[in-house]
C-alpha atoms as a PDB file:
ATOM      1  CA  UNK A   1     183.749  25.667 -36.732  1.00  0.00           C
ATOM      2  CA  UNK A   2     181.532  22.583 -36.598  1.00  0.00           C
ATOM      3  CA  UNK A   3     178.209  22.916 -38.424  1.00  0.00           C
ATOM      4  CA  UNK A   4     175.481  21.095 -40.344  1.00  0.00           C
ATOM      5  CA  UNK A   5     175.262  22.427 -43.901  1.00  0.00           C
ATOM      6  CA  UNK A   6     172.663  22.069 -46.626  1.00  0.00           C
ATOM      7  CA  UNK A   7     174.758  22.610 -49.738  1.00  0.00           C
ATOM      8  CA  UNK A   8     172.708  21.284 -52.646  1.00  0.00           C
ATOM      9  CA  UNK A   9     169.142  21.277 -53.946  1.00  0.00           C
ATOM     10  CA  UNK A  10     168.938  17.517 -53.444  1.00  0.00           C
ATOM     11  CA  UNK A  11     168.557  15.035 -50.575  1.00  0.00           C
ATOM     12  CA  UNK A  12     171.379  15.065 -48.044  1.00  0.00           C
ATOM     13  CA  UNK A  13     173.285  17.269 -45.608  1.00  0.00           C
ATOM     14  CA  UNK A  14     176.934  17.683 -44.652  1.00  0.00           C
ATOM     15  CA  UNK A  15     178.567  17.731 -41.226  1.00  0.00           C
ATOM     16  CA  UNK A  16     181.667  19.910 -41.449  1.00  0.00           C
ATOM     17  CA  UNK A  17     184.334  20.674 -38.872  1.00  0.00           C
ATOM     18  CA  UNK A  18     186.029  23.506 -40.753  1.00  0.00           C
ATOM     19  CA  UNK A  19     183.195  25.927 -41.546  1.00  0.00           C
ATOM     20  CA  UNK A  20     184.235  29.589 -41.302  1.00  0.00           C
ATOM     21  CA  UNK A  21     183.117  31.254 -38.096  1.00  0.00           C
ATOM     22  CA  UNK A  22     180.368  33.818 -38.675  1.00  0.00           C
ATOM     23  CA  UNK A  23     181.436  37.405 -39.183  1.00  0.00           C
ATOM     24  CA  UNK A  24     181.596  39.873 -36.322  1.00  0.00           C
ATOM     25  CA  UNK A  25     178.191  41.498 -35.844  1.00  0.00           C
ATOM     26  CA  UNK A  26     177.394  44.569 -37.897  1.00  0.00           C
ATOM     27  CA  UNK A  27     175.035  47.372 -36.990  1.00  0.00           C
ATOM     28  CA  UNK A  28     171.969  45.990 -35.217  1.00  0.00           C
ATOM     29  CA  UNK A  29     173.390  42.481 -34.973  1.00  0.00           C
ATOM     30  CA  UNK A  30     174.617  40.115 -32.264  1.00  0.00           C
ATOM     31  CA  UNK A  31     176.818  37.050 -32.335  1.00  0.00           C
ATOM     32  CA  UNK A  32     175.681  34.075 -30.274  1.00  0.00           C
ATOM     33  CA  UNK A  33     177.474  30.997 -29.018  1.00  0.00           C
ATOM     34  CA  UNK A  34     174.878  28.273 -29.534  1.00  0.00           C
ATOM     35  CA  UNK A  35     174.145  26.245 -26.408  1.00  0.00           C
ATOM     36  CA  UNK A  36     171.369  23.988 -27.684  1.00  0.00           C
ATOM     37  CA  UNK A  37     169.518  23.627 -30.977  1.00  0.00           C
ATOM     38  CA  UNK A  38     166.377  21.566 -31.331  1.00  0.00           C
ATOM     39  CA  UNK A  39     165.822  19.347 -34.367  1.00  0.00           C
ATOM     40  CA  UNK A  40     162.448  19.909 -36.025  1.00  0.00           C
ATOM     41  CA  UNK A  41     160.349  17.809 -38.373  1.00  0.00           C
ATOM     42  CA  UNK A  42     160.970  20.457 -41.010  1.00  0.00           C
ATOM     43  CA  UNK A  43     164.702  19.720 -40.683  1.00  0.00           C
ATOM     44  CA  UNK A  44     163.904  16.154 -41.740  1.00  0.00           C
ATOM     45  CA  UNK A  45     162.030  17.595 -44.715  1.00  0.00           C
ATOM     46  CA  UNK A  46     164.930  19.909 -45.602  1.00  0.00           C
ATOM     47  CA  UNK A  47     167.460  17.091 -45.315  1.00  0.00           C
ATOM     48  CA  UNK A  48     165.347  14.900 -47.602  1.00  0.00           C
ATOM     49  CA  UNK A  49     164.539  17.870 -49.852  1.00  0.00           C
ATOM     50  CA  UNK A  50     160.839  17.075 -49.996  1.00  0.00           C
ATOM     51  CA  UNK A  51     158.285  19.200 -51.875  1.00  0.00           C
ATOM     52  CA  UNK A  52     157.359  20.829 -48.541  1.00  0.00           C
ATOM     53  CA  UNK A  53     160.974  21.940 -48.097  1.00  0.00           C
ATOM     54  CA  UNK A  54     161.287  23.087 -51.695  1.00  0.00           C
ATOM     55  CA  UNK A  55     158.237  25.316 -51.229  1.00  0.00           C
ATOM     56  CA  UNK A  56     160.309  27.482 -48.872  1.00  0.00           C
ATOM     57  CA  UNK A  57     162.782  28.298 -51.686  1.00  0.00           C
ATOM     58  CA  UNK A  58     165.931  27.512 -49.709  1.00  0.00           C
ATOM     59  CA  UNK A  59     168.941  29.756 -50.266  1.00  0.00           C
ATOM     60  CA  UNK A  60     171.893  27.406 -50.435  1.00  0.00           C
ATOM     61  CA  UNK A  61     174.436  26.765 -49.152  1.00  0.00           C
ATOM     62  CA  UNK A  62     173.091  27.407 -45.664  1.00  0.00           C
ATOM     63  CA  UNK A  63     173.778  26.296 -42.118  1.00  0.00           C
ATOM     64  CA  UNK A  64     170.626  24.534 -40.931  1.00  0.00           C
ATOM     65  CA  UNK A  65     168.805  24.900 -37.609  1.00  0.00           C
ATOM     66  CA  UNK A  66     166.057  27.318 -36.582  1.00  0.00           C
ATOM     67  CA  UNK A  67     165.166  26.377 -32.995  1.00  0.00           C
ATOM     68  CA  UNK A  68     167.710  27.183 -30.332  1.00  0.00           C
ATOM     69  CA  UNK A  69     169.313  29.262 -27.642  1.00  0.00           C
ATOM     70  CA  UNK A  70     172.687  30.536 -26.608  1.00  0.00           C
ATOM     71  CA  UNK A  71     174.834  33.237 -25.055  1.00  0.00           C
ATOM     72  CA  UNK A  72     175.567  36.625 -26.591  1.00  0.00           C
ATOM     73  CA  UNK A  73     179.345  36.931 -27.164  1.00  0.00           C
ATOM     74  CA  UNK A  74     179.528  40.045 -29.387  1.00  0.00           C
ATOM     75  CA  UNK A  75     177.249  43.046 -29.866  1.00  0.00           C
ATOM     76  CA  UNK A  76     177.209  45.279 -32.946  1.00  0.00           C
ATOM     77  CA  UNK A  77     176.754  49.027 -33.147  1.00  0.00           C
ATOM     78  CA  UNK A  78     173.332  50.384 -32.329  1.00  0.00           C
ATOM     79  CA  UNK A  79     172.263  47.387 -30.236  1.00  0.00           C
ATOM     80  CA  UNK A  80     170.905  48.612 -26.908  1.00  0.00           C
ATOM     81  CA  UNK A  81     168.793  45.722 -25.631  1.00  0.00           C
ATOM     82  CA  UNK A  82     171.527  43.118 -25.280  1.00  0.00           C
ATOM     83  CA  UNK A  83     174.999  42.835 -23.824  1.00  0.00           C
ATOM     84  CA  UNK A  84     177.728  40.220 -23.771  1.00  0.00           C
ATOM     85  CA  UNK A  85     176.777  37.354 -21.470  1.00  0.00           C
ATOM     86  CA  UNK A  86     173.006  37.591 -21.964  1.00  0.00           C
ATOM     87  CA  UNK A  87     171.171  34.311 -22.461  1.00  0.00           C
ATOM     88  CA  UNK A  88     168.795  34.404 -25.425  1.00  0.00           C
ATOM     89  CA  UNK A  89     166.369  32.248 -27.363  1.00  0.00           C
ATOM     90  CA  UNK A  90     166.076  32.897 -31.081  1.00  0.00           C
ATOM     91  CA  UNK A  91     163.058  33.655 -33.240  1.00  0.00           C
ATOM     92  CA  UNK A  92     163.322  31.918 -36.607  1.00  0.00           C
ATOM     93  CA  UNK A  93     161.181  34.406 -38.573  1.00  0.00           C
ATOM     94  CA  UNK A  94     163.459  37.317 -39.439  1.00  0.00           C
ATOM     95  CA  UNK A  95     161.071  40.211 -40.043  1.00  0.00           C
ATOM     96  CA  UNK A  96     161.904  43.620 -41.517  1.00  0.00           C
ATOM     97  CA  UNK A  97     159.536  45.520 -39.157  1.00  0.00           C
ATOM     98  CA  UNK A  98     159.052  48.014 -41.985  1.00  0.00           C
ATOM     99  CA  UNK A  99     156.521  46.484 -44.416  1.00  0.00           C
ATOM    100  CA  UNK A 100     152.714  46.672 -44.299  1.00  0.00           C
ATOM    101  CA  UNK A 101     152.297  43.307 -42.531  1.00  0.00           C
ATOM    102  CA  UNK A 102     154.838  44.229 -39.863  1.00  0.00           C
ATOM    103  CA  UNK A 103     153.106  47.563 -39.448  1.00  0.00           C
ATOM    104  CA  UNK A 104     149.735  45.980 -38.659  1.00  0.00           C
ATOM    105  CA  UNK A 105     151.209  43.532 -36.143  1.00  0.00           C
ATOM    106  CA  UNK A 106     151.757  40.568 -38.440  1.00  0.00           C
ATOM    107  CA  UNK A 107     155.563  40.432 -38.369  1.00  0.00           C
ATOM    108  CA  UNK A 108     155.399  36.628 -38.321  1.00  0.00           C
ATOM    109  CA  UNK A 109     154.267  36.816 -41.973  1.00  0.00           C
ATOM    110  CA  UNK A 110     156.488  39.748 -42.968  1.00  0.00           C
ATOM    111  CA  UNK A 111     156.425  40.497 -46.700  1.00  0.00           C
ATOM    112  CA  UNK A 112     160.246  40.369 -46.757  1.00  0.00           C
ATOM    113  CA  UNK A 113     160.610  37.545 -44.253  1.00  0.00           C
ATOM    114  CA  UNK A 114     163.693  35.366 -44.153  1.00  0.00           C
ATOM    115  CA  UNK A 115     163.825  32.131 -42.186  1.00  0.00           C
ATOM    116  CA  UNK A 116     166.724  31.144 -39.960  1.00  0.00           C
ATOM    117  CA  UNK A 117     168.391  27.963 -41.192  1.00  0.00           C
ATOM    118  CA  UNK A 118     166.585  28.118 -44.561  1.00  0.00           C
ATOM    119  CA  UNK A 119     167.537  31.500 -46.022  1.00  0.00           C
ATOM    120  CA  UNK A 120     170.249  32.674 -43.612  1.00  0.00           C
ATOM    121  CA  UNK A 121     172.765  30.634 -41.612  1.00  0.00           C
ATOM    122  CA  UNK A 122     171.138  28.992 -38.618  1.00  0.00           C
ATOM    123  CA  UNK A 123     171.813  27.306 -35.307  1.00  0.00           C
ATOM    124  CA  UNK A 124     173.227  23.860 -36.088  1.00  0.00           C
ATOM    125  CA  UNK A 125     176.677  25.317 -35.483  1.00  0.00           C
ATOM    126  CA  UNK A 126     178.908  26.537 -32.695  1.00  0.00           C
ATOM    127  CA  UNK A 127     178.235  30.211 -33.429  1.00  0.00           C
ATOM    128  CA  UNK A 128     175.713  32.331 -35.298  1.00  0.00           C
ATOM    129  CA  UNK A 129     175.515  36.034 -36.200  1.00  0.00           C
ATOM    130  CA  UNK A 130     172.010  37.378 -36.648  1.00  0.00           C
ATOM    131  CA  UNK A 131     169.868  40.504 -36.208  1.00  0.00           C
ATOM    132  CA  UNK A 132     169.336  41.464 -32.574  1.00  0.00           C
ATOM    133  CA  UNK A 133     165.622  41.819 -33.338  1.00  0.00           C
ATOM    134  CA  UNK A 134     165.396  38.011 -33.618  1.00  0.00           C
ATOM    135  CA  UNK A 135     166.560  37.427 -30.023  1.00  0.00           C
ATOM    136  CA  UNK A 136     164.470  37.174 -26.881  1.00  0.00           C
ATOM    137  CA  UNK A 137     166.355  37.785 -23.635  1.00  0.00           C
ATOM    138  CA  UNK A 138     165.834  35.034 -21.082  1.00  0.00           C
ATOM    139  CA  UNK A 139     165.255  35.288 -17.357  1.00  0.00           C
ATOM    140  CA  UNK A 140     167.799  33.476 -15.179  1.00  0.00           C
ATOM    141  CA  UNK A 141     165.175  30.895 -14.188  1.00  0.00           C
ATOM    142  CA  UNK A 142     164.954  29.356 -17.681  1.00  0.00           C
ATOM    143  CA  UNK A 143     167.784  27.035 -18.679  1.00  0.00           C
ATOM    144  CA  UNK A 144     169.303  27.270 -22.138  1.00  0.00           C
ATOM    145  CA  UNK A 145     168.219  23.717 -22.953  1.00  0.00           C
ATOM    146  CA  UNK A 146     164.608  24.461 -22.076  1.00  0.00           C
ATOM    147  CA  UNK A 147     164.826  27.785 -23.926  1.00  0.00           C
ATOM    148  CA  UNK A 148     165.672  25.926 -27.141  1.00  0.00           C
ATOM    149  CA  UNK A 149     162.064  24.687 -27.086  1.00  0.00           C
ATOM    150  CA  UNK A 150     160.449  28.124 -26.829  1.00  0.00           C
ATOM    151  CA  UNK A 151     160.339  28.492 -30.626  1.00  0.00           C
ATOM    152  CA  UNK A 152     158.495  25.188 -31.350  1.00  0.00           C
ATOM    153  CA  UNK A 153     156.242  25.435 -28.297  1.00  0.00           C
ATOM    154  CA  UNK A 154     155.497  28.970 -29.461  1.00  0.00           C
ATOM    155  CA  UNK A 155     154.108  27.482 -32.675  1.00  0.00           C
ATOM    156  CA  UNK A 156     151.544  25.713 -30.506  1.00  0.00           C
ATOM    157  CA  UNK A 157     150.755  28.848 -28.508  1.00  0.00           C
ATOM    158  CA  UNK A 158     150.271  30.865 -31.681  1.00  0.00           C
ATOM    159  CA  UNK A 159     147.932  28.214 -33.114  1.00  0.00           C
ATOM    160  CA  UNK A 160     145.763  28.601 -30.027  1.00  0.00           C
ATOM    161  CA  UNK A 161     145.987  32.400 -30.223  1.00  0.00           C
ATOM    162  CA  UNK A 162     144.895  32.196 -33.866  1.00  0.00           C
ATOM    163  CA  UNK A 163     141.486  30.788 -32.895  1.00  0.00           C
ATOM    164  CA  UNK A 164     140.663  34.108 -31.251  1.00  0.00           C
ATOM    165  CA  UNK A 165     138.789  32.385 -28.449  1.00  0.00           C
ATOM    166  CA  UNK A 166     139.377  30.771 -25.090  1.00  0.00           C
ATOM    167  CA  UNK A 167     139.705  26.987 -24.902  1.00  0.00           C
ATOM    168  CA  UNK A 168     138.187  26.972 -21.406  1.00  0.00           C
ATOM    169  CA  UNK A 169     135.494  24.266 -21.359  1.00  0.00           C
ATOM    170  CA  UNK A 170     136.076  23.392 -25.029  1.00  0.00           C
ATOM    171  CA  UNK A 171     136.496  19.947 -26.560  1.00  0.00           C
ATOM    172  CA  UNK A 172     139.773  19.933 -28.453  1.00  0.00           C
ATOM    173  CA  UNK A 173     141.110  17.521 -31.070  1.00  0.00           C
ATOM    174  CA  UNK A 174     144.761  17.400 -32.165  1.00  0.00           C
ATOM    175  CA  UNK A 175     145.939  15.292 -35.098  1.00  0.00           C
ATOM    176  CA  UNK A 176     149.605  14.357 -34.841  1.00  0.00           C
ATOM    177  CA  UNK A 177     151.542  13.781 -31.611  1.00  0.00           C
ATOM    178  CA  UNK A 178     154.829  15.132 -32.831  1.00  0.00           C
ATOM    179  CA  UNK A 179     156.333  17.819 -30.618  1.00  0.00           C
ATOM    180  CA  UNK A 180     154.070  20.633 -31.871  1.00  0.00           C
ATOM    181  CA  UNK A 181     150.961  18.483 -31.520  1.00  0.00           C
ATOM    182  CA  UNK A 182     152.005  17.521 -28.002  1.00  0.00           C
ATOM    183  CA  UNK A 183     152.630  21.169 -27.135  1.00  0.00           C
ATOM    184  CA  UNK A 184     149.171  22.098 -28.436  1.00  0.00           C
ATOM    185  CA  UNK A 185     147.589  19.364 -26.324  1.00  0.00           C
ATOM    186  CA  UNK A 186     149.566  20.449 -23.258  1.00  0.00           C
ATOM    187  CA  UNK A 187     148.611  24.113 -23.669  1.00  0.00           C
ATOM    188  CA  UNK A 188     144.973  23.213 -24.324  1.00  0.00           C
ATOM    189  CA  UNK A 189     144.944  21.233 -21.095  1.00  0.00           C
ATOM    190  CA  UNK A 190     146.554  24.127 -19.209  1.00  0.00           C
ATOM    191  CA  UNK A 191     143.962  26.457 -20.780  1.00  0.00           C
ATOM    192  CA  UNK A 192     141.127  24.533 -19.166  1.00  0.00           C
ATOM    193  CA  UNK A 193     139.829  22.518 -22.128  1.00  0.00           C
ATOM    194  CA  UNK A 194     137.110  20.131 -20.972  1.00  0.00           C
ATOM    195  CA  UNK A 195     138.489  17.326 -23.117  1.00  0.00           C
ATOM    196  CA  UNK A 196     141.661  16.946 -25.200  1.00  0.00           C
ATOM    197  CA  UNK A 197     142.032  14.058 -27.648  1.00  0.00           C
ATOM    198  CA  UNK A 198     145.139  13.529 -29.764  1.00  0.00           C
ATOM    199  CA  UNK A 199     145.283  11.198 -32.779  1.00  0.00           C
ATOM    200  CA  UNK A 200     148.600   9.497 -33.474  1.00  0.00           C
ATOM    201  CA  UNK A 201     149.571   6.205 -35.200  1.00  0.00           C
ATOM    202  CA  UNK A 202     152.864   5.862 -33.278  1.00  0.00           C
ATOM    203  CA  UNK A 203     152.273   3.854 -30.090  1.00  0.00           C
ATOM    204  CA  UNK A 204     155.244   5.389 -28.253  1.00  0.00           C
ATOM    205  CA  UNK A 205     154.008   8.909 -28.933  1.00  0.00           C
ATOM    206  CA  UNK A 206     150.501   7.976 -27.817  1.00  0.00           C
ATOM    207  CA  UNK A 207     151.953   6.755 -24.531  1.00  0.00           C
ATOM    208  CA  UNK A 208     153.839  10.040 -24.099  1.00  0.00           C
ATOM    209  CA  UNK A 209     150.644  11.996 -24.749  1.00  0.00           C
ATOM    210  CA  UNK A 210     148.740   9.890 -22.220  1.00  0.00           C
ATOM    211  CA  UNK A 211     151.469  10.561 -19.652  1.00  0.00           C
ATOM    212  CA  UNK A 212     150.740  14.278 -20.094  1.00  0.00           C
ATOM    213  CA  UNK A 213     147.101  13.801 -19.122  1.00  0.00           C
ATOM    214  CA  UNK A 214     145.328  13.750 -22.486  1.00  0.00           C
ATOM    215  CA  UNK A 215     143.478  10.996 -24.341  1.00  0.00           C
ATOM    216  CA  UNK A 216     145.502   9.502 -27.191  1.00  0.00           C
ATOM    217  CA  UNK A 217     144.019   7.232 -29.872  1.00  0.00           C
ATOM    218  CA  UNK A 218     145.157   5.683 -33.167  1.00  0.00           C
ATOM    219  CA  UNK A 219     143.597   7.009 -36.383  1.00  0.00           C
ATOM    220  CA  UNK A 220     139.940   6.019 -36.741  1.00  0.00           C
ATOM    221  CA  UNK A 221     138.625   4.348 -39.876  1.00  0.00           C
ATOM    222  CA  UNK A 222     135.273   6.157 -39.662  1.00  0.00           C
ATOM    223  CA  UNK A 223     134.728   9.888 -38.933  1.00  0.00           C
ATOM    224  CA  UNK A 224     131.842   9.044 -36.609  1.00  0.00           C
ATOM    225  CA  UNK A 225     134.177   7.018 -34.397  1.00  0.00           C
ATOM    226  CA  UNK A 226     136.472   9.997 -33.884  1.00  0.00           C
ATOM    227  CA  UNK A 227     133.591  12.456 -33.479  1.00  0.00           C
ATOM    228  CA  UNK A 228     132.114  10.262 -30.749  1.00  0.00           C
ATOM    229  CA  UNK A 229     135.241  10.831 -28.637  1.00  0.00           C
ATOM    230  CA  UNK A 230     134.182  14.451 -28.211  1.00  0.00           C
ATOM    231  CA  UNK A 231     131.407  13.312 -25.861  1.00  0.00           C
ATOM    232  CA  UNK A 232     128.771  15.179 -27.875  1.00  0.00           C
ATOM    233  CA  UNK A 233     128.103  16.123 -31.536  1.00  0.00           C
ATOM    234  CA  UNK A 234     131.717  16.901 -32.356  1.00  0.00           C
ATOM    235  CA  UNK A 235     134.812  18.786 -31.258  1.00  0.00           C
ATOM    236  CA  UNK A 236     134.789  22.564 -30.878  1.00  0.00           C
ATOM    237  CA  UNK A 237     138.317  23.006 -32.235  1.00  0.00           C
ATOM    238  CA  UNK A 238     140.620  20.747 -34.255  1.00  0.00           C
ATOM    239  CA  UNK A 239     144.333  21.447 -34.675  1.00  0.00           C
ATOM    240  CA  UNK A 240     145.989  19.625 -37.571  1.00  0.00           C
ATOM    241  CA  UNK A 241     149.655  19.267 -36.618  1.00  0.00           C
ATOM    242  CA  UNK A 242     150.827  16.282 -38.659  1.00  0.00           C
ATOM    243  CA  UNK A 243     150.909  17.554 -42.232  1.00  0.00           C
ATOM    244  CA  UNK A 244     149.626  14.143 -43.354  1.00  0.00           C
ATOM    245  CA  UNK A 245     146.990  14.352 -46.108  1.00  0.00           C
ATOM    246  CA  UNK A 246     144.580  11.934 -44.387  1.00  0.00           C
ATOM    247  CA  UNK A 247     144.492  14.083 -41.256  1.00  0.00           C
ATOM    248  CA  UNK A 248     142.544  16.921 -42.877  1.00  0.00           C
ATOM    249  CA  UNK A 249     139.341  14.960 -43.562  1.00  0.00           C
ATOM    250  CA  UNK A 250     139.652  13.158 -40.231  1.00  0.00           C
ATOM    251  CA  UNK A 251     139.937  16.401 -38.279  1.00  0.00           C
ATOM    252  CA  UNK A 252     137.397  18.487 -40.158  1.00  0.00           C
ATOM    253  CA  UNK A 253     134.772  15.729 -40.111  1.00  0.00           C
ATOM    254  CA  UNK A 254     135.203  15.312 -36.353  1.00  0.00           C
ATOM    255  CA  UNK A 255     134.163  18.931 -35.749  1.00  0.00           C
ATOM    256  CA  UNK A 256     130.693  20.029 -34.693  1.00  0.00           C
ATOM    257  CA  UNK A 257     128.752  22.345 -36.953  1.00  0.00           C
ATOM    258  CA  UNK A 258     130.304  25.788 -36.550  1.00  0.00           C
ATOM    259  CA  UNK A 259     133.563  24.349 -35.208  1.00  0.00           C
ATOM    260  CA  UNK A 260     137.045  25.696 -35.899  1.00  0.00           C
ATOM    261  CA  UNK A 261     139.801  23.975 -37.895  1.00  0.00           C
ATOM    262  CA  UNK A 262     143.379  25.227 -37.446  1.00  0.00           C
ATOM    263  CA  UNK A 263     146.056  24.163 -39.931  1.00  0.00           C
ATOM    264  CA  UNK A 264     149.496  23.987 -38.278  1.00  0.00           C
ATOM    265  CA  UNK A 265     151.460  21.199 -39.969  1.00  0.00           C
ATOM    266  CA  UNK A 266     153.015  21.496 -43.442  1.00  0.00           C
ATOM    267  CA  UNK A 267     152.273  18.709 -45.913  1.00  0.00           C
ATOM    268  CA  UNK A 268     153.796  17.764 -49.253  1.00  0.00           C
ATOM    269  CA  UNK A 269     150.562  17.719 -51.239  1.00  0.00           C
ATOM    270  CA  UNK A 270     147.702  20.184 -51.883  1.00  0.00           C
ATOM    271  CA  UNK A 271     144.306  19.408 -50.367  1.00  0.00           C
ATOM    272  CA  UNK A 272     140.859  19.447 -51.934  1.00  0.00           C
ATOM    273  CA  UNK A 273     138.225  21.408 -49.980  1.00  0.00           C
ATOM    274  CA  UNK A 274     134.464  21.223 -50.536  1.00  0.00           C
ATOM    275  CA  UNK A 275     133.811  24.872 -49.661  1.00  0.00           C
ATOM    276  CA  UNK A 276     130.055  24.634 -50.105  1.00  0.00           C
ATOM    277  CA  UNK A 277     129.747  21.753 -47.658  1.00  0.00           C
ATOM    278  CA  UNK A 278     132.358  22.701 -45.077  1.00  0.00           C
ATOM    279  CA  UNK A 279     132.221  26.496 -45.068  1.00  0.00           C
ATOM    280  CA  UNK A 280     128.620  27.207 -46.071  1.00  0.00           C
ATOM    281  CA  UNK A 281     126.415  24.372 -44.874  1.00  0.00           C
ATOM    282  CA  UNK A 282     128.470  23.305 -41.854  1.00  0.00           C
ATOM    283  CA  UNK A 283     129.851  26.737 -41.017  1.00  0.00           C
ATOM    284  CA  UNK A 284     133.358  25.445 -40.316  1.00  0.00           C
ATOM    285  CA  UNK A 285     135.863  28.235 -39.668  1.00  0.00           C
ATOM    286  CA  UNK A 286     139.241  27.467 -41.220  1.00  0.00           C
ATOM    287  CA  UNK A 287     142.378  29.173 -39.936  1.00  0.00           C
ATOM    288  CA  UNK A 288     146.044  28.843 -40.825  1.00  0.00           C
ATOM    289  CA  UNK A 289     148.817  29.374 -38.303  1.00  0.00           C
ATOM    290  CA  UNK A 290     152.511  29.981 -39.033  1.00  0.00           C
ATOM    291  CA  UNK A 291     155.260  30.882 -36.600  1.00  0.00           C
ATOM    292  CA  UNK A 292     154.727  33.014 -33.510  1.00  0.00           C
ATOM    293  CA  UNK A 293     153.347  36.506 -32.894  1.00  0.00           C
ATOM    294  CA  UNK A 294     156.164  38.939 -32.160  1.00  0.00           C
ATOM    295  CA  UNK A 295     156.381  39.235 -29.317  1.00  0.00           C
ATOM    296  CA  UNK A 296     153.109  38.368 -27.565  1.00  0.00           C
ATOM    297  CA  UNK A 297     153.509  34.623 -28.145  1.00  0.00           C
ATOM    298  CA  UNK A 298     157.002  34.672 -26.683  1.00  0.00           C
ATOM    299  CA  UNK A 299     155.923  36.668 -23.631  1.00  0.00           C
ATOM    300  CA  UNK A 300     153.151  34.180 -22.871  1.00  0.00           C
ATOM    301  CA  UNK A 301     155.431  31.169 -23.299  1.00  0.00           C
ATOM    302  CA  UNK A 302     158.205  32.650 -21.153  1.00  0.00           C
ATOM    303  CA  UNK A 303     155.641  33.502 -18.490  1.00  0.00           C
ATOM    304  CA  UNK A 304     154.302  29.943 -18.358  1.00  0.00           C
ATOM    305  CA  UNK A 305     157.791  28.454 -18.102  1.00  0.00           C
ATOM    306  CA  UNK A 306     159.068  31.041 -15.626  1.00  0.00           C
ATOM    307  CA  UNK A 307     156.128  30.459 -13.299  1.00  0.00           C
ATOM    308  CA  UNK A 308     156.489  26.678 -13.436  1.00  0.00           C
ATOM    309  CA  UNK A 309     153.210  26.090 -15.267  1.00  0.00           C
ATOM    310  CA  UNK A 310     154.865  24.500 -18.309  1.00  0.00           C
ATOM    311  CA  UNK A 311     157.774  22.064 -18.041  1.00  0.00           C
ATOM    312  CA  UNK A 312     159.538  22.091 -21.404  1.00  0.00           C
ATOM    313  CA  UNK A 313     162.139  19.680 -20.072  1.00  0.00           C
ATOM    314  CA  UNK A 314     159.496  16.941 -20.021  1.00  0.00           C
ATOM    315  CA  UNK A 315     159.534  16.958 -23.832  1.00  0.00           C
ATOM    316  CA  UNK A 316     163.312  16.557 -24.260  1.00  0.00           C
ATOM    317  CA  UNK A 317     164.146  12.898 -24.853  1.00  0.00           C
ATOM    318  CA  UNK A 318     167.615  12.995 -26.435  1.00  0.00           C
ATOM    319  CA  UNK A 319     170.765  15.126 -26.458  1.00  0.00           C
ATOM    320  CA  UNK A 320     173.345  14.561 -29.197  1.00  0.00           C
ATOM    321  CA  UNK A 321     176.457  16.251 -30.599  1.00  0.00           C
ATOM    322  CA  UNK A 322     176.274  17.939 -34.003  1.00  0.00           C
ATOM    323  CA  UNK A 323     178.190  15.028 -35.534  1.00  0.00           C
ATOM    324  CA  UNK A 324     175.218  12.733 -34.829  1.00  0.00           C
ATOM    325  CA  UNK A 325     172.710  14.813 -36.807  1.00  0.00           C
ATOM    326  CA  UNK A 326     171.752  11.860 -39.006  1.00  0.00           C
ATOM    327  CA  UNK A 327     170.885   9.841 -35.903  1.00  0.00           C
ATOM    328  CA  UNK A 328     168.766  12.766 -34.673  1.00  0.00           C
ATOM    329  CA  UNK A 329     166.772  12.669 -37.906  1.00  0.00           C
ATOM    330  CA  UNK A 330     166.185   8.954 -37.502  1.00  0.00           C
ATOM    331  CA  UNK A 331     165.068   9.395 -33.908  1.00  0.00           C
ATOM    332  CA  UNK A 332     162.380  11.877 -34.920  1.00  0.00           C
ATOM    333  CA  UNK A 333     160.605   9.194 -36.945  1.00  0.00           C
ATOM    334  CA  UNK A 334     160.589   6.743 -34.028  1.00  0.00           C
ATOM    335  CA  UNK A 335     160.615   6.843 -30.254  1.00  0.00           C
ATOM    336  CA  UNK A 336     161.579  10.423 -29.563  1.00  0.00           C
ATOM    337  CA  UNK A 337     160.070  13.808 -28.851  1.00  0.00           C
ATOM    338  CA  UNK A 338     162.466  16.766 -28.873  1.00  0.00           C
ATOM    339  CA  UNK A 339     166.068  15.959 -29.810  1.00  0.00           C
ATOM    340  CA  UNK A 340     168.640  18.596 -28.892  1.00  0.00           C
ATOM    341  CA  UNK A 341     171.953  19.099 -30.656  1.00  0.00           C
ATOM    342  CA  UNK A 342     174.579  20.346 -28.198  1.00  0.00           C
ATOM    343  CA  UNK A 343     177.542  21.867 -30.083  1.00  0.00           C
ATOM    344  CA  UNK A 344     179.779  21.717 -27.000  1.00  0.00           C
ATOM    345  CA  UNK A 345     179.299  17.929 -26.906  1.00  0.00           C
ATOM    346  CA  UNK A 346     181.237  17.375 -30.166  1.00  0.00           C
END
């Protein structure tokens, strides 16, 4: 079987053509033939073995890939919600649904959570065996390629859900026009935000953001310059989706008093926070967002795509075989949005 493997706690990955096929599914499991797997910025981090990747305590060797879709080809004992031939998209957070966090509705931060492609074999392969509870059955109207983007676009949906408020009429700032940042901007626009501004140094990505109907600007040298783009005393909500250390002060200082800051991107370095100034005097609400709510985020995303409100295909710029994984990583740092690996193309 062809697959992309992370074998060592060091920079680098391996493309192999003779990986063993995954085992037949056990109780509560399904086996999936992967149709499309999306390459994420965190895959770049894992390949380079950055501090951000190391913080996830990878269990190696592992087949990489955590965003994708496919067709069920085998069903294990006790599985009642799926049958052979079903099209599914895969949730990357493998929750136990038995711990305290799962019990109070926070399965996305399960106390025993494993991550697909980091702790258990993932989707950069022809086949994958995984718990049936990680699969979301797709309606016929959603293609498998588009479905591969439900996981990353769900990150954006969950970030918006995490604010606990409607974005209708709000002024929204997004730092970072990578795929998740672009999804946040798109969903904010669809949610009726009065103004959406995205900050991005890459000119190509700014142009893509502008084509989606939002304002895109390069990083500002002065906080006041960015704050002025809100059209009043500051933005209501800022979503930090880049993971770059300079984006935190830019975003938080562009907020109005009492505004909301949502951390979405993962950086390599810790940040210093003046709690007295930001939390006490300015009343900034700080929220972290990780993964997707199971399964409310997925239901909302599928609904938007199924009803034609959200076109995930507009964010796919490249399709490559597994053997060109290194090229996919390079594309993500340049003129690309979502890059799909198509195992059948090898």
